[in-house]
Amino acid sequence: MGKGLFITFEGIDGSGKSTQSRALAKVLADQGHDIVLTREPGGSPGAEEIRQLVLTGDPDRWSAETEILLFTASRRDHLEKTIEPALAAGKTVICDRFADSTRVYQGATRGDLRHTVDQLHTLMIGREPDLTFIIDMDPATALNRGLARKSGEDRFEDFGLGFQETLRHGFLALARAHPERCVLIDGNRDADAIATEIALQAAARL
């Protein structure tokens, strides 16, 4: 097991995870911490290839079961090539999404597959973050923001508002289930105010 700190950001599509993960990485780097900023799906060459498979195309392109396998394969490569080496070197890893997203997106919202997700995680990943920021915000606002990006990686946004509302409840339940590592952040505020709160919470853990 590594000796660095592993921080993740979670939340529904368009909730500001990427913005806030970059902001925290800058704050901590300015304070002298050695930071690796990464993302999922992706974060290593092989995982980035899988990212294109799961985030683009028709919403019904993959079944939930196939998605679980693809995300787990991507996460395993990311863990081996990027996360574990950085943590072992004492670096702080900040990751935009990790296993909690699979627990909520595939495990809780696209069928009763949480047990399958947890089994695969135990077998193939076996690591949890030290600290997880769950950014909670209004699903309609977040969805409009996500679609406005026109990133081409909007397969999950295309499932619609009802899907995003279900996701939100899944992340809230996750925060309640893991209070030892999950910090719920109100995302319905100015980005700078959110970043300030996150930086204070991270400083307390560091």
Protein backbone atom coordinates (compact mmCIF):
# COMPACT_ATOMS: atom_id res chain seq x y z
CA MET A 1 0.00 0.00 0.00
CA GLY A 2 1.23 3.50 -0.83
CA LYS A 3 2.09 6.21 1.64
CA GLY A 4 0.65 9.17 -0.28
CA LEU A 5 -2.87 10.58 0.12
CA PHE A 6 -5.54 9.52 -2.39
CA ILE A 7 -8.30 12.13 -2.92
CA THR A 8 -11.27 11.64 -5.25
CA PHE A 9 -14.10 13.82 -6.53
CA GLU A 10 -17.56 12.41 -7.21
CA GLY A 11 -20.96 13.69 -8.25
CA ILE A 12 -23.44 13.79 -11.09
CA ASP A 13 -22.53 14.93 -14.60
CA GLY A 14 -21.90 18.68 -14.76
CA SER A 15 -21.54 19.13 -11.00
CA GLY A 16 -18.10 20.74 -11.24
CA LYS A 17 -15.84 17.83 -10.30
CA SER A 18 -13.21 18.58 -12.92
CA THR A 19 -13.09 22.28 -12.07
CA GLN A 20 -12.76 21.59 -8.35
CA SER A 21 -10.19 18.82 -8.72
CA ARG A 22 -7.99 21.18 -10.77
CA ALA A 23 -8.48 23.96 -8.22
CA LEU A 24 -7.47 21.73 -5.31
CA ALA A 25 -4.46 20.41 -7.23
CA LYS A 26 -3.23 23.98 -7.76
CA VAL A 27 -3.75 24.97 -4.12
CA LEU A 28 -1.90 21.94 -2.80
CA ALA A 29 0.90 22.25 -5.36
CA ASP A 30 1.35 25.90 -4.38
CA GLN A 31 1.70 24.71 -0.77
CA GLY A 32 4.54 22.42 -1.79
CA HIS A 33 2.77 19.10 -2.12
CA ASP A 34 3.77 16.75 -4.95
CA ILE A 35 0.51 16.31 -6.87
CA VAL A 36 -0.69 13.89 -9.53
CA LEU A 37 -3.98 15.05 -11.08
CA THR A 38 -5.80 12.33 -12.98
CA ARG A 39 -9.27 11.19 -14.03
CA GLU A 40 -11.55 8.26 -14.68
CA PRO A 41 -12.29 6.68 -16.95
CA GLY A 42 -8.77 7.32 -18.15
CA GLY A 43 -5.56 8.38 -16.46
CA SER A 44 -3.29 5.95 -18.31
CA PRO A 45 -2.88 5.26 -22.04
CA GLY A 46 -4.89 2.03 -22.00
CA ALA A 47 -7.59 3.49 -19.77
CA GLU A 48 -7.94 6.52 -22.05
CA GLU A 49 -8.68 4.19 -24.96
CA ILE A 50 -11.45 2.54 -22.95
CA ARG A 51 -12.78 6.02 -22.06
CA GLN A 52 -13.72 6.58 -25.67
CA LEU A 53 -15.65 3.31 -25.71
CA VAL A 54 -17.79 4.07 -22.67
CA LEU A 55 -18.40 7.82 -22.93
CA THR A 56 -19.28 8.16 -26.61
CA GLY A 57 -21.97 6.77 -28.86
CA ASP A 58 -25.59 5.81 -28.36
CA PRO A 59 -26.84 5.58 -24.73
CA ASP A 60 -27.82 1.96 -25.35
CA ARG A 61 -24.45 1.05 -26.84
CA TRP A 62 -23.52 -1.12 -23.83
CA SER A 63 -25.48 -3.02 -21.24
CA ALA A 64 -24.85 -2.12 -17.61
CA GLU A 65 -23.02 -5.42 -17.15
CA THR A 66 -20.66 -4.70 -20.03
CA GLU A 67 -20.07 -1.19 -18.70
CA ILE A 68 -19.03 -2.59 -15.33
CA LEU A 69 -16.41 -4.79 -17.00
CA LEU A 70 -15.10 -1.95 -19.17
CA PHE A 71 -14.86 0.50 -16.28
CA THR A 72 -13.16 -2.11 -14.09
CA ALA A 73 -10.61 -2.87 -16.82
CA SER A 74 -9.93 0.83 -17.24
CA ARG A 75 -9.59 1.33 -13.47
CA ARG A 76 -7.21 -1.62 -13.09
CA ASP A 77 -4.86 -0.21 -15.74
CA HIS A 78 -5.10 3.26 -14.20
CA LEU A 79 -4.33 1.84 -10.76
CA GLU A 80 -1.30 -0.12 -11.97
CA LYS A 81 0.20 2.54 -14.23
CA THR A 82 -0.62 5.81 -12.47
CA ILE A 83 -2.23 5.72 -9.03
CA GLU A 84 -0.23 3.11 -7.12
CA PRO A 85 3.21 4.25 -8.36
CA ALA A 86 2.41 7.84 -7.37
CA LEU A 87 1.12 6.91 -3.92
CA ALA A 88 4.10 4.65 -3.32
CA ALA A 89 6.35 7.61 -4.11
CA GLY A 90 4.57 9.67 -1.45
CA LYS A 91 2.66 11.86 -3.89
CA THR A 92 -0.89 13.12 -3.37
CA VAL A 93 -3.18 11.74 -6.07
CA ILE A 94 -6.29 13.76 -6.96
CA CYS A 95 -8.68 11.83 -9.18
CA ASP A 96 -11.81 13.06 -10.97
CA ARG A 97 -14.04 9.99 -10.31
CA PHE A 98 -13.07 6.53 -9.06
CA ALA A 99 -14.89 3.37 -7.96
CA ASP A 100 -17.78 5.24 -6.33
CA SER A 101 -18.95 6.31 -9.77
CA THR A 102 -19.27 2.70 -10.89
CA ARG A 103 -21.11 1.86 -7.66
CA VAL A 104 -23.66 4.56 -8.39
CA TYR A 105 -23.86 4.69 -12.20
CA GLN A 106 -23.87 0.96 -12.95
CA GLY A 107 -24.47 -0.59 -9.54
CA ALA A 108 -27.43 1.44 -8.35
CA THR A 109 -29.09 3.10 -11.33
CA ARG A 110 -28.93 0.65 -14.23
CA GLY A 111 -30.18 -2.47 -12.51
CA ASP A 112 -29.62 -4.17 -9.18
CA LEU A 113 -25.92 -4.74 -9.83
CA ARG A 114 -24.24 -3.25 -6.77
CA HIS A 115 -23.18 -6.69 -5.50
CA THR A 116 -21.51 -7.42 -8.85
CA VAL A 117 -19.71 -4.07 -8.75
CA ASP A 118 -18.48 -4.70 -5.21
CA GLN A 119 -17.28 -8.22 -6.04
CA LEU A 120 -15.26 -7.00 -9.02
CA HIS A 121 -13.85 -4.13 -7.01
CA THR A 122 -12.68 -6.50 -4.28
CA LEU A 123 -11.11 -8.88 -6.78
CA MET A 124 -9.48 -6.41 -9.17
CA ILE A 125 -9.05 -3.03 -7.43
CA GLY A 126 -8.97 -3.45 -3.65
CA ARG A 127 -8.29 0.19 -2.84
CA GLU A 128 -10.50 2.99 -1.52
CA PRO A 129 -9.70 6.72 -1.48
CA ASP A 130 -8.51 8.34 1.73
CA LEU A 131 -10.83 11.30 1.13
CA THR A 132 -13.77 11.73 -1.24
CA PHE A 133 -15.49 15.02 -2.04
CA ILE A 134 -19.05 14.46 -3.29
CA ILE A 135 -20.30 17.61 -4.98
CA ASP A 136 -24.08 17.77 -4.68
CA MET A 137 -26.12 20.10 -6.86
CA ASP A 138 -29.43 20.51 -8.63
CA PRO A 139 -29.63 17.82 -11.35
CA ALA A 140 -31.36 20.06 -13.91
CA THR A 141 -28.71 22.77 -13.59
CA ALA A 142 -25.90 20.23 -13.72
CA LEU A 143 -27.38 18.49 -16.78
CA ASN A 144 -27.72 21.76 -18.68
CA ARG A 145 -24.13 22.59 -17.83
CA GLY A 146 -22.92 19.15 -18.91
CA LEU A 147 -24.75 19.24 -22.23
CA ALA A 148 -23.58 22.80 -22.92
CA ARG A 149 -19.97 21.61 -22.92
CA LYS A 150 -20.61 19.69 -26.15
CA SER A 151 -17.57 17.58 -25.34
CA GLY A 152 -18.66 14.61 -27.43
CA GLU A 153 -18.38 12.52 -24.24
CA ASP A 154 -22.00 12.97 -23.23
CA ARG A 155 -23.38 9.47 -23.47
CA PHE A 156 -24.54 9.47 -19.83
CA GLU A 157 -26.03 12.98 -20.07
CA ASP A 158 -28.11 11.65 -22.96
CA PHE A 159 -29.95 9.33 -20.54
CA GLY A 160 -31.82 12.46 -19.41
CA LEU A 161 -32.88 14.29 -16.27
CA GLY A 162 -34.52 11.34 -14.55
CA PHE A 163 -31.26 9.42 -14.73
CA GLN A 164 -29.34 12.34 -13.23
CA GLU A 165 -31.86 12.65 -10.38
CA THR A 166 -31.44 8.95 -9.61
CA LEU A 167 -27.66 9.39 -9.66
CA ARG A 168 -27.90 12.25 -7.18
CA HIS A 169 -29.81 10.10 -4.70
CA GLY A 170 -27.20 7.37 -5.18
CA PHE A 171 -24.34 9.72 -4.32
CA LEU A 172 -26.20 11.09 -1.29
CA ALA A 173 -26.71 7.53 -0.04
CA LEU A 174 -23.01 6.83 -0.60
CA ALA A 175 -22.04 9.86 1.49
CA ARG A 176 -24.26 8.67 4.33
CA ALA A 177 -22.83 5.14 4.15
CA HIS A 178 -19.16 6.25 4.28
CA PRO A 179 -18.91 9.33 6.51
CA GLU A 180 -15.34 8.44 7.48
CA ARG A 181 -14.04 9.39 4.03
CA CYS A 182 -16.87 11.19 2.21
CA VAL A 183 -17.39 14.94 2.54
CA LEU A 184 -20.61 16.29 1.02
CA ILE A 185 -20.12 19.67 -0.67
CA ASP A 186 -22.95 22.02 -1.69
CA GLY A 187 -22.31 22.61 -5.38
CA ASN A 188 -25.10 25.18 -5.83
CA ARG A 189 -22.69 28.03 -5.07
CA ASP A 190 -19.98 30.16 -6.62
CA ALA A 191 -17.05 28.01 -7.75
CA ASP A 192 -14.55 29.99 -5.67
CA ALA A 193 -16.60 29.47 -2.49
CA ILE A 194 -16.74 25.75 -3.17
CA ALA A 195 -13.00 25.62 -3.81
CA THR A 196 -12.28 27.41 -0.54
CA GLU A 197 -14.33 24.92 1.46
CA ILE A 198 -12.70 21.97 -0.27
CA ALA A 199 -9.21 23.34 0.35
CA LEU A 200 -9.94 23.75 4.06
CA GLN A 201 -11.29 20.20 4.31
CA ALA A 202 -8.27 18.80 2.47
CA ALA A 203 -5.85 20.77 4.65
CA ALA A 204 -7.38 19.18 7.74
CA ARG A 205 -6.66 15.71 6.34
CA LEU A 206 -3.17 16.55 5.11
